């Protein structure tokens, strides 16, 4: 499945109340509050073929995850 299709399926399921997601970053434990808006958190798909299975990441943690994966792929 393509990334965009996975996002569409997840967003539809969220709008319909079929799934819920965490408000806490899986990497650093940050959560929305006065200094961090919910918009700064991303639902990351480990496997696009499982569109309803995501982890919640703060935007900077999401970037770090991809940087680490790129580095590991080059080794």
Protein backbone atom coordinates (compact mmCIF):
# COMPACT_ATOMS: atom_id res chain seq x y z
CA UNK A 1 0.00 0.00 0.00
CA UNK A 2 1.19 3.51 -0.76
CA UNK A 3 1.90 5.98 2.09
CA UNK A 4 -0.89 8.33 0.99
CA UNK A 5 -3.44 5.49 0.97
CA UNK A 6 -2.40 4.48 4.50
CA UNK A 7 -2.84 8.08 5.72
CA UNK A 8 -6.27 8.32 4.10
CA UNK A 9 -7.43 5.07 5.72
CA UNK A 10 -6.10 6.13 9.13
CA UNK A 11 -7.69 9.59 8.93
CA UNK A 12 -11.03 8.08 7.91
CA UNK A 13 -10.92 5.61 10.81
CA UNK A 14 -10.03 8.43 13.24
CA UNK A 15 -12.90 10.63 12.03
CA UNK A 16 -15.36 7.74 12.35
CA UNK A 17 -14.08 6.87 15.83
CA UNK A 18 -13.01 3.38 14.75
CA UNK A 19 -9.49 3.82 16.19
CA UNK A 20 -7.82 6.09 18.68
CA UNK A 21 -4.22 7.19 18.92
CA UNK A 22 -1.97 8.14 21.79
CA UNK A 23 -1.23 11.77 22.60
CA UNK A 24 2.23 10.89 23.95
CA UNK A 25 5.40 10.64 21.86
CA UNK A 26 6.68 7.06 21.76
CA UNK A 27 10.31 8.26 21.71
CA UNK A 28 10.57 11.13 24.20
CA UNK A 29 7.30 11.03 26.15
CA UNK A 30 6.28 14.58 25.19
CA UNK A 31 2.57 15.36 25.17
CA UNK A 32 0.45 18.27 23.96
CA UNK A 33 0.09 21.16 26.34
CA UNK A 34 0.60 24.92 26.58
CA UNK A 35 3.88 24.79 24.64
CA UNK A 36 3.17 21.88 22.27
CA UNK A 37 0.08 21.68 20.10
CA UNK A 38 -1.47 18.40 18.95
CA UNK A 39 -0.52 19.41 15.40
CA UNK A 40 3.14 18.92 16.30
CA UNK A 41 2.57 15.18 16.77
CA UNK A 42 2.64 12.74 13.88
CA UNK A 43 1.20 9.26 13.44
CA UNK A 44 4.08 7.25 11.97
CA UNK A 45 3.43 4.07 10.00
CA UNK A 46 6.04 1.35 10.47
CA UNK A 47 4.26 -0.72 7.81
CA UNK A 48 1.98 0.91 5.24
CA UNK A 49 0.19 -2.41 4.73
CA UNK A 50 -1.15 -1.98 8.29
CA UNK A 51 -2.64 1.52 7.98
CA UNK A 52 -4.35 1.53 11.38
CA UNK A 53 -1.19 0.57 13.27
CA UNK A 54 0.85 3.69 14.01
CA UNK A 55 3.08 5.15 16.68
CA UNK A 56 2.76 8.73 17.89
CA UNK A 57 5.88 10.85 17.48
CA UNK A 58 6.67 14.49 18.25
CA UNK A 59 7.74 16.15 14.98
CA UNK A 60 11.43 16.43 15.94
CA UNK A 61 11.48 12.79 17.09
CA UNK A 62 9.91 11.76 13.78
CA UNK A 63 12.73 13.52 11.93
CA UNK A 64 15.35 11.88 14.18
CA UNK A 65 13.83 8.45 13.52
CA UNK A 66 14.17 8.87 9.77
CA UNK A 67 17.73 10.20 10.08
CA UNK A 68 18.73 7.19 12.20
CA UNK A 69 17.10 4.77 9.75
CA UNK A 70 18.88 6.36 6.79
CA UNK A 71 22.23 6.09 8.61
CA UNK A 72 21.60 2.44 9.49
CA UNK A 73 20.61 1.66 5.90
CA UNK A 74 23.97 2.98 4.68
CA UNK A 75 25.98 0.70 6.96
